[in-house]
Amino acid sequence: MSLEYSFSVEGFEALFKRMDDLREEVGKQKTDRIWRNVMLYAMEPVLQDAKTFAPHKSGQLAEHIYMKAHRPTMFDRASKFYQGESYLVRVTSSPIRNDSYLH
């Protein structure tokens, strides 16, 4: 049995307009910081769910799941899913991160 969900979100055009107005008012650097922080905040539940539902055989996988916000790369822009976002937030896993202690 497969479940299908549908939802719609409204108000993005008004939000983007307001953020453009804010950029003119306070500057691009502050506005970019706001966008980055909002994206990280919005993706926090995804990060927590990924850690919670990761297999816990040794526990290493959940310890190496992390979230990163960054500007789109050339690879991102070449994707058919890219729509001109200012920041992308990825939740991923890597055993070779700098702060990883179990490789």
N, C-alpha and C. Protein backbone atom coordinates (compact mmCIF):
# COMPACT_ATOMS: atom_id res chain seq x y z
N MET A 1 0.85 -1.18 0.00
CA MET A 1 0.00 0.00 0.00
C MET A 1 0.89 1.24 0.00
N SER A 2 0.74 2.07 -1.00
CA SER A 2 1.54 3.29 -1.04
C SER A 2 0.68 4.49 -0.65
N LEU A 3 1.29 5.39 0.05
CA LEU A 3 0.60 6.60 0.48
C LEU A 3 1.09 7.77 -0.36
N GLU A 4 0.18 8.62 -0.72
CA GLU A 4 0.55 9.83 -1.44
C GLU A 4 0.10 11.03 -0.64
N TYR A 5 0.97 12.00 -0.56
CA TYR A 5 0.66 13.23 0.15
C TYR A 5 0.80 14.39 -0.82
N SER A 6 0.00 15.38 -0.58
CA SER A 6 0.04 16.58 -1.41
C SER A 6 -0.09 17.79 -0.50
N PHE A 7 0.65 18.82 -0.81
CA PHE A 7 0.53 20.05 -0.06
C PHE A 7 0.90 21.22 -0.96
N SER A 8 0.50 22.39 -0.57
CA SER A 8 0.88 23.58 -1.32
C SER A 8 1.32 24.64 -0.32
N VAL A 9 2.23 25.46 -0.78
CA VAL A 9 2.76 26.54 0.05
C VAL A 9 2.55 27.84 -0.71
N GLU A 10 2.02 28.81 -0.03
CA GLU A 10 1.78 30.10 -0.66
C GLU A 10 2.59 31.18 0.07
N GLY A 11 2.83 32.27 -0.60
CA GLY A 11 3.47 33.40 0.04
C GLY A 11 4.94 33.58 -0.28
N PHE A 12 5.52 32.70 -1.11
CA PHE A 12 6.94 32.83 -1.41
C PHE A 12 7.25 34.10 -2.19
N GLU A 13 6.39 34.48 -3.10
CA GLU A 13 6.65 35.70 -3.88
C GLU A 13 6.71 36.91 -2.96
N ALA A 14 5.80 37.00 -1.99
CA ALA A 14 5.81 38.11 -1.04
C ALA A 14 7.06 38.04 -0.15
N LEU A 15 7.45 36.84 0.25
CA LEU A 15 8.66 36.69 1.07
C LEU A 15 9.89 37.15 0.30
N PHE A 16 10.03 36.70 -0.94
CA PHE A 16 11.19 37.10 -1.74
C PHE A 16 11.21 38.60 -1.99
N LYS A 17 10.05 39.18 -2.21
CA LYS A 17 9.96 40.64 -2.40
C LYS A 17 10.42 41.36 -1.14
N ARG A 18 9.94 40.89 0.02
CA ARG A 18 10.32 41.51 1.29
C ARG A 18 11.82 41.35 1.56
N MET A 19 12.37 40.20 1.23
CA MET A 19 13.82 40.00 1.42
C MET A 19 14.63 40.90 0.49
N ASP A 20 14.13 41.13 -0.72
CA ASP A 20 14.80 42.08 -1.62
C ASP A 20 14.76 43.48 -1.05
N ASP A 21 13.61 43.86 -0.48
CA ASP A 21 13.50 45.17 0.16
C ASP A 21 14.46 45.28 1.35
N LEU A 22 14.54 44.21 2.11
CA LEU A 22 15.43 44.18 3.26
C LEU A 22 16.89 44.28 2.83
N ARG A 23 17.23 43.63 1.72
CA ARG A 23 18.60 43.70 1.19
C ARG A 23 18.97 45.15 0.89
N GLU A 24 18.05 45.90 0.32
CA GLU A 24 18.32 47.31 0.01
C GLU A 24 18.45 48.13 1.30
N GLU A 25 17.70 47.73 2.32
CA GLU A 25 17.67 48.48 3.58
C GLU A 25 18.90 48.20 4.46
N VAL A 26 19.27 46.94 4.62
CA VAL A 26 20.35 46.60 5.56
C VAL A 26 21.63 46.11 4.88
N GLY A 27 21.56 45.80 3.61
CA GLY A 27 22.75 45.36 2.89
C GLY A 27 22.72 43.89 2.56
N LYS A 28 23.45 43.55 1.52
CA LYS A 28 23.48 42.19 1.00
C LYS A 28 24.09 41.21 2.00
N GLN A 29 25.18 41.59 2.66
CA GLN A 29 25.86 40.67 3.57
C GLN A 29 24.95 40.24 4.73
N LYS A 30 24.24 41.18 5.33
CA LYS A 30 23.34 40.84 6.43
C LYS A 30 22.17 40.01 5.94
N THR A 31 21.65 40.35 4.78
CA THR A 31 20.52 39.61 4.22
C THR A 31 20.94 38.18 3.89
N ASP A 32 22.14 38.00 3.33
CA ASP A 32 22.64 36.66 3.04
C ASP A 32 22.79 35.84 4.32
N ARG A 33 23.25 36.46 5.38
CA ARG A 33 23.38 35.76 6.66
C ARG A 33 22.00 35.32 7.19
N ILE A 34 21.02 36.20 7.01
CA ILE A 34 19.65 35.86 7.43
C ILE A 34 19.16 34.64 6.65
N TRP A 35 19.33 34.65 5.32
CA TRP A 35 18.88 33.53 4.49
C TRP A 35 19.56 32.24 4.93
N ARG A 36 20.88 32.30 5.14
CA ARG A 36 21.64 31.11 5.52
C ARG A 36 21.13 30.56 6.85
N ASN A 37 20.94 31.42 7.83
CA ASN A 37 20.48 30.98 9.14
C ASN A 37 19.06 30.43 9.09
N VAL A 38 18.20 31.04 8.29
CA VAL A 38 16.83 30.55 8.15
C VAL A 38 16.82 29.17 7.52
N MET A 39 17.65 28.98 6.50
CA MET A 39 17.72 27.68 5.83
C MET A 39 18.21 26.60 6.80
N LEU A 40 19.24 26.92 7.58
CA LEU A 40 19.74 25.95 8.56
C LEU A 40 18.68 25.63 9.61
N TYR A 41 17.98 26.64 10.07
CA TYR A 41 16.92 26.43 11.06
C TYR A 41 15.81 25.55 10.49
N ALA A 42 15.42 25.82 9.25
CA ALA A 42 14.33 25.07 8.63
C ALA A 42 14.70 23.60 8.40
N MET A 43 15.98 23.33 8.17
CA MET A 43 16.42 21.96 7.89
C MET A 43 16.81 21.17 9.14
N GLU A 44 16.80 21.81 10.30
CA GLU A 44 17.18 21.12 11.54
C GLU A 44 16.34 19.86 11.80
N PRO A 45 15.01 19.88 11.59
CA PRO A 45 14.23 18.64 11.79
C PRO A 45 14.67 17.51 10.85
N VAL A 46 15.08 17.85 9.64
CA VAL A 46 15.56 16.83 8.69
C VAL A 46 16.84 16.20 9.23
N LEU A 47 17.75 17.03 9.73
CA LEU A 47 19.00 16.53 10.31
C LEU A 47 18.72 15.61 11.49
N GLN A 48 17.84 16.03 12.38
CA GLN A 48 17.53 15.23 13.55
C GLN A 48 16.87 13.90 13.16
N ASP A 49 15.98 13.92 12.18
CA ASP A 49 15.34 12.68 11.72
C ASP A 49 16.37 11.75 11.08
N ALA A 50 17.29 12.30 10.30
CA ALA A 50 18.33 11.48 9.67
C ALA A 50 19.18 10.79 10.73
N LYS A 51 19.53 11.51 11.78
CA LYS A 51 20.32 10.91 12.86
C LYS A 51 19.50 9.88 13.64
N THR A 52 18.24 10.19 13.88
CA THR A 52 17.39 9.28 14.65
C THR A 52 17.13 7.97 13.91
N PHE A 53 16.86 8.04 12.63
CA PHE A 53 16.48 6.86 11.86
C PHE A 53 17.65 6.17 11.16
N ALA A 54 18.87 6.65 11.36
CA ALA A 54 20.03 5.98 10.79
C ALA A 54 20.25 4.65 11.49
N PRO A 55 20.71 3.64 10.78
CA PRO A 55 21.01 2.36 11.44
C PRO A 55 22.05 2.58 12.54
N HIS A 56 21.85 1.92 13.68
CA HIS A 56 22.74 2.15 14.82
C HIS A 56 23.56 0.91 15.17
N LYS A 57 23.95 0.17 14.17
CA LYS A 57 24.72 -1.04 14.42
C LYS A 57 26.00 -0.73 15.20
N SER A 58 26.79 0.23 14.71
CA SER A 58 28.00 0.64 15.44
C SER A 58 27.86 2.05 16.00
N GLY A 59 26.89 2.81 15.51
CA GLY A 59 26.69 4.18 15.96
C GLY A 59 27.48 5.20 15.19
N GLN A 60 28.38 4.75 14.33
CA GLN A 60 29.23 5.70 13.61
C GLN A 60 28.48 6.49 12.56
N LEU A 61 27.51 5.88 11.89
CA LEU A 61 26.79 6.59 10.83
C LEU A 61 26.10 7.83 11.38
N ALA A 62 25.33 7.68 12.45
CA ALA A 62 24.61 8.82 13.02
C ALA A 62 25.57 9.91 13.49
N GLU A 63 26.76 9.52 13.95
CA GLU A 63 27.74 10.50 14.41
C GLU A 63 28.31 11.32 13.26
N HIS A 64 28.27 10.78 12.04
CA HIS A 64 28.88 11.46 10.90
C HIS A 64 27.86 12.15 9.99
N ILE A 65 26.61 12.18 10.40
CA ILE A 65 25.60 12.90 9.63
C ILE A 65 25.67 14.37 10.03
N TYR A 66 25.75 15.23 9.05
CA TYR A 66 25.88 16.66 9.32
C TYR A 66 25.09 17.47 8.30
N MET A 67 24.98 18.73 8.56
CA MET A 67 24.25 19.65 7.69
C MET A 67 25.19 20.79 7.31
N LYS A 68 25.08 21.21 6.06
CA LYS A 68 25.94 22.29 5.58
C LYS A 68 25.15 23.20 4.65
N ALA A 69 25.27 24.49 4.87
CA ALA A 69 24.66 25.48 3.97
C ALA A 69 25.78 26.10 3.15
N HIS A 70 25.53 26.23 1.86
CA HIS A 70 26.55 26.82 0.99
C HIS A 70 25.90 27.44 -0.23
N ARG A 71 26.67 28.24 -0.90
CA ARG A 71 26.20 28.82 -2.16
C ARG A 71 26.22 27.72 -3.22
N PRO A 72 25.33 27.77 -4.19
CA PRO A 72 25.31 26.74 -5.24
C PRO A 72 26.62 26.70 -6.03
N THR A 73 27.10 25.50 -6.29
CA THR A 73 28.30 25.31 -7.10
C THR A 73 27.90 25.21 -8.57
N MET A 74 28.90 25.11 -9.45
CA MET A 74 28.60 24.91 -10.87
C MET A 74 27.84 23.60 -11.08
N PHE A 75 28.19 22.58 -10.29
CA PHE A 75 27.51 21.29 -10.36
C PHE A 75 26.04 21.45 -9.98
N ASP A 76 25.77 22.23 -8.92
CA ASP A 76 24.39 22.47 -8.51
C ASP A 76 23.61 23.20 -9.60
N ARG A 77 24.24 24.19 -10.19
CA ARG A 77 23.55 24.99 -11.22
C ARG A 77 23.24 24.17 -12.46
N ALA A 78 24.03 23.13 -12.72
CA ALA A 78 23.81 22.28 -13.89
C ALA A 78 22.67 21.30 -13.67
N SER A 79 22.21 21.15 -12.43
CA SER A 79 21.14 20.21 -12.12
C SER A 79 19.82 20.68 -12.69
N LYS A 80 18.99 19.74 -13.08
CA LYS A 80 17.66 20.11 -13.59
C LYS A 80 16.76 20.63 -12.48
N PHE A 81 17.16 20.41 -11.22
CA PHE A 81 16.35 20.84 -10.08
C PHE A 81 16.72 22.23 -9.58
N TYR A 82 17.83 22.78 -10.05
CA TYR A 82 18.27 24.10 -9.59
C TYR A 82 17.33 25.18 -10.10
N GLN A 83 16.90 26.05 -9.19
CA GLN A 83 15.97 27.12 -9.58
C GLN A 83 16.47 28.48 -9.14
N GLY A 84 17.78 28.65 -9.05
CA GLY A 84 18.33 29.96 -8.74
C GLY A 84 18.38 30.31 -7.27
N GLU A 85 18.46 29.32 -6.40
CA GLU A 85 18.50 29.57 -4.98
C GLU A 85 19.78 30.29 -4.58
N SER A 86 19.71 31.08 -3.48
CA SER A 86 20.88 31.77 -2.97
C SER A 86 21.76 30.83 -2.16
N TYR A 87 21.12 29.94 -1.41
CA TYR A 87 21.84 28.97 -0.58
C TYR A 87 21.20 27.61 -0.73
N LEU A 88 22.02 26.59 -0.60
CA LEU A 88 21.53 25.22 -0.56
C LEU A 88 21.93 24.65 0.79
N VAL A 89 21.08 23.82 1.35
CA VAL A 89 21.40 23.14 2.60
C VAL A 89 21.33 21.66 2.33
N ARG A 90 22.41 20.97 2.68
CA ARG A 90 22.47 19.53 2.47
C ARG A 90 22.64 18.83 3.81
N VAL A 91 21.91 17.74 3.96
CA VAL A 91 22.12 16.85 5.10
C VAL A 91 22.75 15.61 4.50
N THR A 92 23.95 15.29 4.95
CA THR A 92 24.70 14.19 4.36
C THR A 92 25.57 13.53 5.41
N SER A 93 26.27 12.50 5.00
CA SER A 93 27.15 11.77 5.91
C SER A 93 28.51 11.62 5.28
N SER A 94 29.54 11.79 6.09
CA SER A 94 30.90 11.61 5.60
C SER A 94 31.79 11.15 6.74
N PRO A 95 32.50 10.02 6.56
CA PRO A 95 33.39 9.55 7.62
C PRO A 95 34.72 10.29 7.65
N ILE A 96 34.97 11.17 6.69
CA ILE A 96 36.27 11.83 6.63
C ILE A 96 36.20 13.33 6.90
N ARG A 97 35.17 13.76 7.58
CA ARG A 97 35.08 15.17 7.95
C ARG A 97 36.18 15.51 8.94
N ASN A 98 36.56 16.77 8.98
CA ASN A 98 37.61 17.23 9.89
C ASN A 98 37.29 16.93 11.35
N ASP A 99 36.02 17.06 11.74
CA ASP A 99 35.69 16.83 13.14
C ASP A 99 35.30 15.38 13.42
N SER A 100 35.49 14.51 12.44
CA SER A 100 35.23 13.08 12.67
C SER A 100 36.42 12.48 13.37
N TYR A 101 36.15 11.67 14.36
CA TYR A 101 37.24 11.02 15.06
C TYR A 101 37.25 9.52 14.81
N LEU A 102 36.17 8.96 14.31
CA LEU A 102 36.13 7.56 13.93
C LEU A 102 36.10 7.48 12.42
N HIS A 103 37.15 7.00 11.81
CA HIS A 103 37.20 6.91 10.35
C HIS A 103 36.88 5.49 9.94
